[in-house]
Amino acid sequence: MSQKVLLNATEINIALHRLACQLIENHDTFSDTVLIGIQPRGVFLAERLKTLLEDEYKIKNIQLGYLDITFYRDDFRRSGKPLEANKTNINFVVENKKVVFIDDVLYTGRSIRSALTAMQSFGRPLEIELLTLIDRRFSRHLPIQPDYRGRQVDAINNEKVKVCWKENEGEDVVYLVSN
Protein backbone atom coordinates (compact mmCIF):
# COMPACT_ATOMS: atom_id res chain seq x y z
CA MET A 1 0.00 0.00 0.00
CA SER A 2 1.35 3.42 -0.94
CA GLN A 3 0.09 6.88 -0.22
CA LYS A 4 0.69 10.20 -1.88
CA VAL A 5 0.03 13.57 -0.26
CA LEU A 6 -2.70 15.43 -2.17
CA LEU A 7 -2.95 18.39 0.23
CA ASN A 8 -0.64 19.31 3.07
CA ALA A 9 -1.66 21.43 6.07
CA THR A 10 -0.85 24.72 4.32
CA GLU A 11 -2.82 23.74 1.22
CA ILE A 12 -5.79 22.64 3.33
CA ASN A 13 -5.72 25.99 5.11
CA ILE A 14 -5.70 27.85 1.79
CA ALA A 15 -8.60 25.73 0.52
CA LEU A 16 -10.57 26.39 3.72
CA HIS A 17 -10.10 30.16 3.35
CA ARG A 18 -11.18 30.00 -0.30
CA LEU A 19 -14.26 27.96 0.60
CA ALA A 20 -15.12 30.39 3.41
CA CYS A 21 -14.87 33.34 1.01
CA GLN A 22 -17.10 31.59 -1.53
CA LEU A 23 -19.68 30.96 1.19
CA ILE A 24 -19.57 34.63 2.21
CA GLU A 25 -20.06 35.70 -1.42
CA ASN A 26 -23.23 33.64 -1.67
CA HIS A 27 -24.61 33.89 1.88
CA ASP A 28 -23.37 37.29 3.15
CA THR A 29 -24.39 37.41 6.85
CA PHE A 30 -25.69 33.81 7.00
CA SER A 31 -28.96 35.13 8.47
CA ASP A 32 -30.99 32.71 6.30
CA THR A 33 -28.30 30.03 5.95
CA VAL A 34 -27.45 27.04 8.12
CA LEU A 35 -24.46 24.71 7.88
CA ILE A 36 -24.98 20.95 8.25
CA GLY A 37 -21.94 18.70 8.76
CA ILE A 38 -22.58 15.16 7.56
CA GLN A 39 -21.56 12.61 10.18
CA PRO A 40 -19.02 11.41 10.83
CA ARG A 41 -16.24 13.05 8.82
CA GLY A 42 -17.97 16.14 7.48
CA VAL A 43 -18.29 17.43 11.02
CA PHE A 44 -14.56 18.25 11.27
CA LEU A 45 -14.70 20.31 8.07
CA ALA A 46 -17.93 22.03 9.11
CA GLU A 47 -16.52 23.00 12.52
CA ARG A 48 -13.35 24.34 10.91
CA LEU A 49 -15.33 26.45 8.46
CA LYS A 50 -17.61 27.82 11.18
CA THR A 51 -14.60 28.78 13.30
CA LEU A 52 -12.89 30.39 10.32
CA LEU A 53 -16.00 32.36 9.34
CA GLU A 54 -16.49 33.61 12.89
CA ASP A 55 -12.88 34.30 13.88
CA GLU A 56 -11.25 35.44 10.65
CA TYR A 57 -14.20 36.91 8.74
CA LYS A 58 -16.25 38.15 11.73
CA ILE A 59 -19.51 36.50 10.68
CA LYS A 60 -21.74 36.21 13.75
CA ASN A 61 -24.39 33.69 14.76
CA ILE A 62 -23.64 30.93 12.28
CA GLN A 63 -25.91 27.97 12.91
CA LEU A 64 -24.18 24.59 12.64
CA GLY A 65 -25.81 21.20 12.93
CA TYR A 66 -24.73 17.59 12.49
CA LEU A 67 -26.68 15.06 10.45
CA ASP A 68 -26.35 11.30 10.84
CA ILE A 69 -27.24 9.42 7.65
CA THR A 70 -26.47 5.86 8.82
CA PHE A 71 -29.97 4.44 8.51
CA TYR A 72 -30.85 6.44 5.41
CA ARG A 73 -28.12 4.81 3.31
CA ASP A 74 -29.25 2.38 0.63
CA ASP A 75 -26.54 -0.09 1.65
CA PHE A 76 -26.96 -0.09 5.45
CA ARG A 77 -28.45 -3.60 5.52
CA ARG A 78 -25.65 -5.09 3.44
CA SER A 79 -22.99 -5.00 6.11
CA GLY A 80 -22.24 -8.14 8.12
CA LYS A 81 -21.43 -6.14 11.24
CA PRO A 82 -23.79 -4.02 13.35
CA LEU A 83 -23.85 -0.36 12.39
CA GLU A 84 -22.85 2.35 14.81
CA ALA A 85 -24.93 5.45 14.38
CA ASN A 86 -23.63 8.93 15.10
CA LYS A 87 -25.55 11.78 16.64
CA THR A 88 -27.84 14.08 14.73
CA ASN A 89 -27.85 17.50 16.35
CA ILE A 90 -29.93 20.08 14.54
CA ASN A 91 -31.33 22.44 17.16
CA PHE A 92 -32.71 25.05 14.77
CA VAL A 93 -35.42 25.24 12.13
CA VAL A 94 -34.40 24.43 8.55
CA GLU A 95 -37.79 25.32 7.06
CA ASN A 96 -37.29 27.99 4.35
CA LYS A 97 -33.56 28.25 5.13
CA LYS A 98 -30.64 27.82 2.79
CA VAL A 99 -28.84 24.66 3.89
CA VAL A 100 -25.21 23.95 3.08
CA PHE A 101 -24.32 20.27 3.44
CA ILE A 102 -20.64 19.83 4.33
CA ASP A 103 -18.70 16.60 3.82
CA ASP A 104 -15.01 15.81 3.46
CA VAL A 105 -15.08 13.68 0.28
CA LEU A 106 -17.68 13.43 -2.47
CA TYR A 107 -17.29 9.97 -3.96
CA THR A 108 -20.31 8.08 -5.35
CA GLY A 109 -22.92 10.63 -4.23
CA ARG A 110 -24.81 8.07 -2.16
CA SER A 111 -24.05 9.79 1.16
CA ILE A 112 -25.47 13.05 -0.15
CA ARG A 113 -28.58 11.27 -1.47
CA SER A 114 -28.99 9.83 2.03
CA ALA A 115 -28.53 13.28 3.57
CA LEU A 116 -31.23 14.70 1.29
CA THR A 117 -33.62 11.98 2.45
CA ALA A 118 -32.70 12.47 6.13
CA MET A 119 -33.18 16.25 5.84
CA GLN A 120 -36.86 15.73 5.00
CA SER A 121 -37.43 14.82 8.66
CA PHE A 122 -36.45 18.35 9.68
CA GLY A 123 -38.57 20.35 7.26
CA ARG A 124 -38.34 21.78 3.80
CA PRO A 125 -35.32 24.00 3.19
CA LEU A 126 -35.53 26.80 0.66
CA GLU A 127 -32.49 25.32 -1.10
CA ILE A 128 -29.64 22.92 -0.41
CA GLU A 129 -26.04 23.34 -1.51
CA LEU A 130 -23.07 21.00 -1.15
CA LEU A 131 -19.57 21.88 0.01
CA THR A 132 -16.86 19.25 -0.07
CA LEU A 133 -13.13 19.39 0.51
CA ILE A 134 -12.36 16.67 -2.07
CA ASP A 135 -14.42 15.95 -5.18
CA ARG A 136 -13.66 12.56 -6.76
CA ARG A 137 -15.30 13.45 -10.04
CA PHE A 138 -14.92 10.17 -11.95
CA SER A 139 -16.50 7.98 -9.28
CA ARG A 140 -20.07 9.25 -9.20
CA HIS A 141 -22.98 6.79 -9.20
CA LEU A 142 -25.62 9.52 -8.89
CA PRO A 143 -25.99 12.90 -10.63
CA ILE A 144 -24.76 14.90 -7.63
CA GLN A 145 -22.16 17.67 -7.93
CA PRO A 146 -20.69 20.02 -5.32
CA ASP A 147 -21.45 23.74 -5.34
CA TYR A 148 -18.16 24.36 -3.51
CA ARG A 149 -15.07 22.16 -3.72
CA GLY A 150 -11.64 22.47 -2.19
CA ARG A 151 -9.92 20.23 -4.72
CA GLN A 152 -10.98 18.00 -7.57
CA VAL A 153 -9.22 14.64 -7.70
CA ASP A 154 -9.10 12.09 -10.49
CA ALA A 155 -8.72 8.83 -8.60
CA ILE A 156 -9.39 5.42 -10.03
CA ASN A 157 -11.66 3.02 -8.15
CA ASN A 158 -9.01 1.05 -6.24
CA GLU A 159 -7.55 4.30 -4.89
CA LYS A 160 -8.94 5.87 -1.74
CA VAL A 161 -8.84 9.46 -0.56
CA LYS A 162 -8.08 9.77 3.16
CA VAL A 163 -8.65 13.11 4.86
CA CYS A 164 -6.89 13.48 8.20
CA TRP A 165 -7.78 16.26 10.63
CA LYS A 166 -5.63 17.49 13.49
CA GLU A 167 -8.60 17.02 15.81
CA ASN A 168 -8.73 13.24 15.44
CA GLU A 169 -5.65 12.02 13.54
CA GLY A 170 -3.14 14.56 14.82
CA GLU A 171 -2.37 16.22 11.48
CA ASP A 172 -4.05 18.08 8.64
CA VAL A 173 -3.31 16.18 5.44
CA VAL A 174 -5.13 14.54 2.53
CA TYR A 175 -3.70 11.33 1.09
CA LEU A 176 -4.37 9.36 -2.06
CA VAL A 177 -3.96 5.75 -0.97
CA SER A 178 -3.51 2.92 -3.45
CA ASN A 179 -3.32 -0.81 -2.77
C-alpha atoms as a PDB file:
ATOM      1  CA  MET A   1       0.000   0.000   0.000  1.00  0.00           C
ATOM      2  CA  SER A   2       1.350   3.417  -0.945  1.00  0.00           C
ATOM      3  CA  GLN A   3       0.090   6.880  -0.219  1.00  0.00           C
ATOM      4  CA  LYS A   4       0.695  10.203  -1.882  1.00  0.00           C
ATOM      5  CA  VAL A   5       0.027  13.571  -0.263  1.00  0.00           C
ATOM      6  CA  LEU A   6      -2.703  15.435  -2.165  1.00  0.00           C
ATOM      7  CA  LEU A   7      -2.953  18.387   0.225  1.00  0.00           C
ATOM      8  CA  ASN A   8      -0.642  19.305   3.074  1.00  0.00           C
ATOM      9  CA  ALA A   9      -1.664  21.431   6.074  1.00  0.00           C
ATOM     10  CA  THR A  10      -0.853  24.723   4.316  1.00  0.00           C
ATOM     11  CA  GLU A  11      -2.817  23.743   1.216  1.00  0.00           C
ATOM     12  CA  ILE A  12      -5.791  22.637   3.332  1.00  0.00           C
ATOM     13  CA  ASN A  13      -5.723  25.991   5.113  1.00  0.00           C
ATOM     14  CA  ILE A  14      -5.695  27.847   1.785  1.00  0.00           C
ATOM     15  CA  ALA A  15      -8.602  25.729   0.523  1.00  0.00           C
ATOM     16  CA  LEU A  16     -10.573  26.394   3.724  1.00  0.00           C
ATOM     17  CA  HIS A  17     -10.096  30.160   3.352  1.00  0.00           C
ATOM     18  CA  ARG A  18     -11.178  30.005  -0.298  1.00  0.00           C
ATOM     19  CA  LEU A  19     -14.264  27.957   0.598  1.00  0.00           C
ATOM     20  CA  ALA A  20     -15.123  30.390   3.409  1.00  0.00           C
ATOM     21  CA  CYS A  21     -14.870  33.338   1.014  1.00  0.00           C
ATOM     22  CA  GLN A  22     -17.098  31.591  -1.528  1.00  0.00           C
ATOM     23  CA  LEU A  23     -19.680  30.961   1.188  1.00  0.00           C
ATOM     24  CA  ILE A  24     -19.569  34.630   2.212  1.00  0.00           C
ATOM     25  CA  GLU A  25     -20.064  35.703  -1.422  1.00  0.00           C
ATOM     26  CA  ASN A  26     -23.233  33.639  -1.668  1.00  0.00           C
ATOM     27  CA  HIS A  27     -24.613  33.891   1.877  1.00  0.00           C
ATOM     28  CA  ASP A  28     -23.366  37.290   3.153  1.00  0.00           C
ATOM     29  CA  THR A  29     -24.386  37.412   6.849  1.00  0.00           C
ATOM     30  CA  PHE A  30     -25.694  33.811   7.001  1.00  0.00           C
ATOM     31  CA  SER A  31     -28.961  35.125   8.468  1.00  0.00           C
ATOM     32  CA  ASP A  32     -30.992  32.714   6.305  1.00  0.00           C
ATOM     33  CA  THR A  33     -28.300  30.035   5.948  1.00  0.00           C
ATOM     34  CA  VAL A  34     -27.446  27.041   8.116  1.00  0.00           C
ATOM     35  CA  LEU A  35     -24.460  24.708   7.883  1.00  0.00           C
ATOM     36  CA  ILE A  36     -24.977  20.953   8.252  1.00  0.00           C
ATOM     37  CA  GLY A  37     -21.940  18.704   8.757  1.00  0.00           C
ATOM     38  CA  ILE A  38     -22.579  15.163   7.561  1.00  0.00           C
ATOM     39  CA  GLN A  39     -21.565  12.614  10.181  1.00  0.00           C
ATOM     40  CA  PRO A  40     -19.025  11.415  10.835  1.00  0.00           C
ATOM     41  CA  ARG A  41     -16.240  13.055   8.823  1.00  0.00           C
ATOM     42  CA  GLY A  42     -17.970  16.135   7.476  1.00  0.00           C
ATOM     43  CA  VAL A  43     -18.286  17.434  11.019  1.00  0.00           C
ATOM     44  CA  PHE A  44     -14.561  18.247  11.267  1.00  0.00           C
ATOM     45  CA  LEU A  45     -14.698  20.309   8.072  1.00  0.00           C
ATOM     46  CA  ALA A  46     -17.934  22.028   9.114  1.00  0.00           C
ATOM     47  CA  GLU A  47     -16.523  23.003  12.518  1.00  0.00           C
ATOM     48  CA  ARG A  48     -13.350  24.339  10.911  1.00  0.00           C
ATOM     49  CA  LEU A  49     -15.333  26.449   8.457  1.00  0.00           C
ATOM     50  CA  LYS A  50     -17.614  27.817  11.178  1.00  0.00           C
ATOM     51  CA  THR A  51     -14.604  28.784  13.303  1.00  0.00           C
ATOM     52  CA  LEU A  52     -12.891  30.389  10.316  1.00  0.00           C
ATOM     53  CA  LEU A  53     -15.995  32.356   9.340  1.00  0.00           C
ATOM     54  CA  GLU A  54     -16.490  33.611  12.891  1.00  0.00           C
ATOM     55  CA  ASP A  55     -12.878  34.303  13.884  1.00  0.00           C
ATOM     56  CA  GLU A  56     -11.246  35.439  10.646  1.00  0.00           C
ATOM     57  CA  TYR A  57     -14.199  36.910   8.743  1.00  0.00           C
ATOM     58  CA  LYS A  58     -16.246  38.152  11.733  1.00  0.00           C
ATOM     59  CA  ILE A  59     -19.509  36.502  10.683  1.00  0.00           C
ATOM     60  CA  LYS A  60     -21.737  36.205  13.750  1.00  0.00           C
ATOM     61  CA  ASN A  61     -24.394  33.690  14.760  1.00  0.00           C
ATOM     62  CA  ILE A  62     -23.637  30.932  12.276  1.00  0.00           C
ATOM     63  CA  GLN A  63     -25.909  27.965  12.907  1.00  0.00           C
ATOM     64  CA  LEU A  64     -24.180  24.588  12.635  1.00  0.00           C
ATOM     65  CA  GLY A  65     -25.812  21.199  12.929  1.00  0.00           C
ATOM     66  CA  TYR A  66     -24.733  17.586  12.494  1.00  0.00           C
ATOM     67  CA  LEU A  67     -26.684  15.057  10.452  1.00  0.00           C
ATOM     68  CA  ASP A  68     -26.349  11.298  10.843  1.00  0.00           C
ATOM     69  CA  ILE A  69     -27.242   9.416   7.649  1.00  0.00           C
ATOM     70  CA  THR A  70     -26.465   5.863   8.815  1.00  0.00           C
ATOM     71  CA  PHE A  71     -29.973   4.438   8.511  1.00  0.00           C
ATOM     72  CA  TYR A  72     -30.849   6.444   5.409  1.00  0.00           C
ATOM     73  CA  ARG A  73     -28.123   4.813   3.313  1.00  0.00           C
ATOM     74  CA  ASP A  74     -29.254   2.378   0.628  1.00  0.00           C
ATOM     75  CA  ASP A  75     -26.535  -0.086   1.652  1.00  0.00           C
ATOM     76  CA  PHE A  76     -26.964  -0.086   5.452  1.00  0.00           C
ATOM     77  CA  ARG A  77     -28.450  -3.598   5.522  1.00  0.00           C
ATOM     78  CA  ARG A  78     -25.648  -5.093   3.437  1.00  0.00           C
ATOM     79  CA  SER A  79     -22.987  -4.996   6.112  1.00  0.00           C
ATOM     80  CA  GLY A  80     -22.238  -8.137   8.118  1.00  0.00           C
ATOM     81  CA  LYS A  81     -21.431  -6.135  11.242  1.00  0.00           C
ATOM     82  CA  PRO A  82     -23.786  -4.017  13.352  1.00  0.00           C
ATOM     83  CA  LEU A  83     -23.845  -0.357  12.393  1.00  0.00           C
ATOM     84  CA  GLU A  84     -22.847   2.345  14.815  1.00  0.00           C
ATOM     85  CA  ALA A  85     -24.933   5.452  14.382  1.00  0.00           C
ATOM     86  CA  ASN A  86     -23.627   8.926  15.095  1.00  0.00           C
ATOM     87  CA  LYS A  87     -25.553  11.780  16.639  1.00  0.00           C
ATOM     88  CA  THR A  88     -27.836  14.078  14.735  1.00  0.00           C
ATOM     89  CA  ASN A  89     -27.845  17.498  16.353  1.00  0.00           C
ATOM     90  CA  ILE A  90     -29.934  20.084  14.542  1.00  0.00           C
ATOM     91  CA  ASN A  91     -31.325  22.443  17.162  1.00  0.00           C
ATOM     92  CA  PHE A  92     -32.714  25.054  14.773  1.00  0.00           C
ATOM     93  CA  VAL A  93     -35.416  25.235  12.128  1.00  0.00           C
ATOM     94  CA  VAL A  94     -34.401  24.435   8.547  1.00  0.00           C
ATOM     95  CA  GLU A  95     -37.794  25.318   7.060  1.00  0.00           C
ATOM     96  CA  ASN A  96     -37.292  27.993   4.350  1.00  0.00           C
ATOM     97  CA  LYS A  97     -33.563  28.255   5.131  1.00  0.00           C
ATOM     98  CA  LYS A  98     -30.645  27.823   2.787  1.00  0.00           C
ATOM     99  CA  VAL A  99     -28.843  24.664   3.886  1.00  0.00           C
ATOM    100  CA  VAL A 100     -25.209  23.955   3.075  1.00  0.00           C
ATOM    101  CA  PHE A 101     -24.315  20.273   3.438  1.00  0.00           C
ATOM    102  CA  ILE A 102     -20.641  19.829   4.330  1.00  0.00           C
ATOM    103  CA  ASP A 103     -18.703  16.601   3.822  1.00  0.00           C
ATOM    104  CA  ASP A 104     -15.010  15.807   3.464  1.00  0.00           C
ATOM    105  CA  VAL A 105     -15.076  13.681   0.277  1.00  0.00           C
ATOM    106  CA  LEU A 106     -17.677  13.426  -2.468  1.00  0.00           C
ATOM    107  CA  TYR A 107     -17.285   9.971  -3.964  1.00  0.00           C
ATOM    108  CA  THR A 108     -20.313   8.084  -5.349  1.00  0.00           C
ATOM    109  CA  GLY A 109     -22.919  10.634  -4.226  1.00  0.00           C
ATOM    110  CA  ARG A 110     -24.808   8.065  -2.158  1.00  0.00           C
ATOM    111  CA  SER A 111     -24.051   9.792   1.158  1.00  0.00           C
ATOM    112  CA  ILE A 112     -25.472  13.047  -0.155  1.00  0.00           C
ATOM    113  CA  ARG A 113     -28.576  11.268  -1.466  1.00  0.00           C
ATOM    114  CA  SER A 114     -28.988   9.832   2.029  1.00  0.00           C
ATOM    115  CA  ALA A 115     -28.528  13.283   3.566  1.00  0.00           C
ATOM    116  CA  LEU A 116     -31.227  14.696   1.286  1.00  0.00           C
ATOM    117  CA  THR A 117     -33.621  11.976   2.454  1.00  0.00           C
ATOM    118  CA  ALA A 118     -32.704  12.473   6.126  1.00  0.00           C
ATOM    119  CA  MET A 119     -33.179  16.251   5.843  1.00  0.00           C
ATOM    120  CA  GLN A 120     -36.862  15.733   4.997  1.00  0.00           C
ATOM    121  CA  SER A 121     -37.433  14.817   8.658  1.00  0.00           C
ATOM    122  CA  PHE A 122     -36.452  18.348   9.678  1.00  0.00           C
ATOM    123  CA  GLY A 123     -38.572  20.351   7.260  1.00  0.00           C
ATOM    124  CA  ARG A 124     -38.341  21.783   3.800  1.00  0.00           C
ATOM    125  CA  PRO A 125     -35.320  23.996   3.195  1.00  0.00           C
ATOM    126  CA  LEU A 126     -35.531  26.797   0.662  1.00  0.00           C
ATOM    127  CA  GLU A 127     -32.490  25.321  -1.097  1.00  0.00           C
ATOM    128  CA  ILE A 128     -29.644  22.921  -0.412  1.00  0.00           C
ATOM    129  CA  GLU A 129     -26.038  23.342  -1.511  1.00  0.00           C
ATOM    130  CA  LEU A 130     -23.073  21.001  -1.155  1.00  0.00           C
ATOM    131  CA  LEU A 131     -19.571  21.883   0.013  1.00  0.00           C
ATOM    132  CA  THR A 132     -16.863  19.248  -0.067  1.00  0.00           C
ATOM    133  CA  LEU A 133     -13.126  19.391   0.509  1.00  0.00           C
ATOM    134  CA  ILE A 134     -12.359  16.674  -2.068  1.00  0.00           C
ATOM    135  CA  ASP A 135     -14.421  15.946  -5.181  1.00  0.00           C
ATOM    136  CA  ARG A 136     -13.656  12.558  -6.762  1.00  0.00           C
ATOM    137  CA  ARG A 137     -15.301  13.453 -10.043  1.00  0.00           C
ATOM    138  CA  PHE A 138     -14.922  10.171 -11.949  1.00  0.00           C
ATOM    139  CA  SER A 139     -16.499   7.976  -9.284  1.00  0.00           C
ATOM    140  CA  ARG A 140     -20.072   9.250  -9.200  1.00  0.00           C
ATOM    141  CA  HIS A 141     -22.978   6.791  -9.197  1.00  0.00           C
ATOM    142  CA  LEU A 142     -25.619   9.515  -8.893  1.00  0.00           C
ATOM    143  CA  PRO A 143     -25.987  12.898 -10.634  1.00  0.00           C
ATOM    144  CA  ILE A 144     -24.764  14.904  -7.630  1.00  0.00           C
ATOM    145  CA  GLN A 145     -22.161  17.672  -7.933  1.00  0.00           C
ATOM    146  CA  PRO A 146     -20.692  20.020  -5.322  1.00  0.00           C
ATOM    147  CA  ASP A 147     -21.446  23.737  -5.339  1.00  0.00           C
ATOM    148  CA  TYR A 148     -18.157  24.361  -3.515  1.00  0.00           C
ATOM    149  CA  ARG A 149     -15.073  22.156  -3.718  1.00  0.00           C
ATOM    150  CA  GLY A 150     -11.637  22.469  -2.188  1.00  0.00           C
ATOM    151  CA  ARG A 151      -9.916  20.228  -4.717  1.00  0.00           C
ATOM    152  CA  GLN A 152     -10.976  17.998  -7.567  1.00  0.00           C
ATOM    153  CA  VAL A 153      -9.219  14.640  -7.704  1.00  0.00           C
ATOM    154  CA  ASP A 154      -9.098  12.094 -10.486  1.00  0.00           C
ATOM    155  CA  ALA A 155      -8.723   8.834  -8.598  1.00  0.00           C
ATOM    156  CA  ILE A 156      -9.390   5.423 -10.029  1.00  0.00           C
ATOM    157  CA  ASN A 157     -11.663   3.025  -8.154  1.00  0.00           C
ATOM    158  CA  ASN A 158      -9.012   1.048  -6.243  1.00  0.00           C
ATOM    159  CA  GLU A 159      -7.551   4.296  -4.888  1.00  0.00           C
ATOM    160  CA  LYS A 160      -8.942   5.871  -1.745  1.00  0.00           C
ATOM    161  CA  VAL A 161      -8.845   9.458  -0.556  1.00  0.00           C
ATOM    162  CA  LYS A 162      -8.082   9.769   3.157  1.00  0.00           C
ATOM    163  CA  VAL A 163      -8.654  13.111   4.858  1.00  0.00           C
ATOM    164  CA  CYS A 164      -6.886  13.484   8.202  1.00  0.00           C
ATOM    165  CA  TRP A 165      -7.779  16.262  10.627  1.00  0.00           C
ATOM    166  CA  LYS A 166      -5.627  17.493  13.486  1.00  0.00           C
ATOM    167  CA  GLU A 167      -8.603  17.023  15.814  1.00  0.00           C
ATOM    168  CA  ASN A 168      -8.733  13.242  15.439  1.00  0.00           C
ATOM    169  CA  GLU A 169      -5.645  12.017  13.539  1.00  0.00           C
ATOM    170  CA  GLY A 170      -3.140  14.558  14.822  1.00  0.00           C
ATOM    171  CA  GLU A 171      -2.368  16.215  11.478  1.00  0.00           C
ATOM    172  CA  ASP A 172      -4.054  18.077   8.644  1.00  0.00           C
ATOM    173  CA  VAL A 173      -3.306  16.182   5.437  1.00  0.00           C
ATOM    174  CA  VAL A 174      -5.126  14.537   2.531  1.00  0.00           C
ATOM    175  CA  TYR A 175      -3.698  11.325   1.088  1.00  0.00           C
ATOM    176  CA  LEU A 176      -4.372   9.363  -2.064  1.00  0.00           C
ATOM    177  CA  VAL A 177      -3.959   5.754  -0.965  1.00  0.00           C
ATOM    178  CA  SER A 178      -3.511   2.915  -3.450  1.00  0.00           C
ATOM    179  CA  ASN A 179      -3.321  -0.814  -2.766  1.00  0.00           C
END
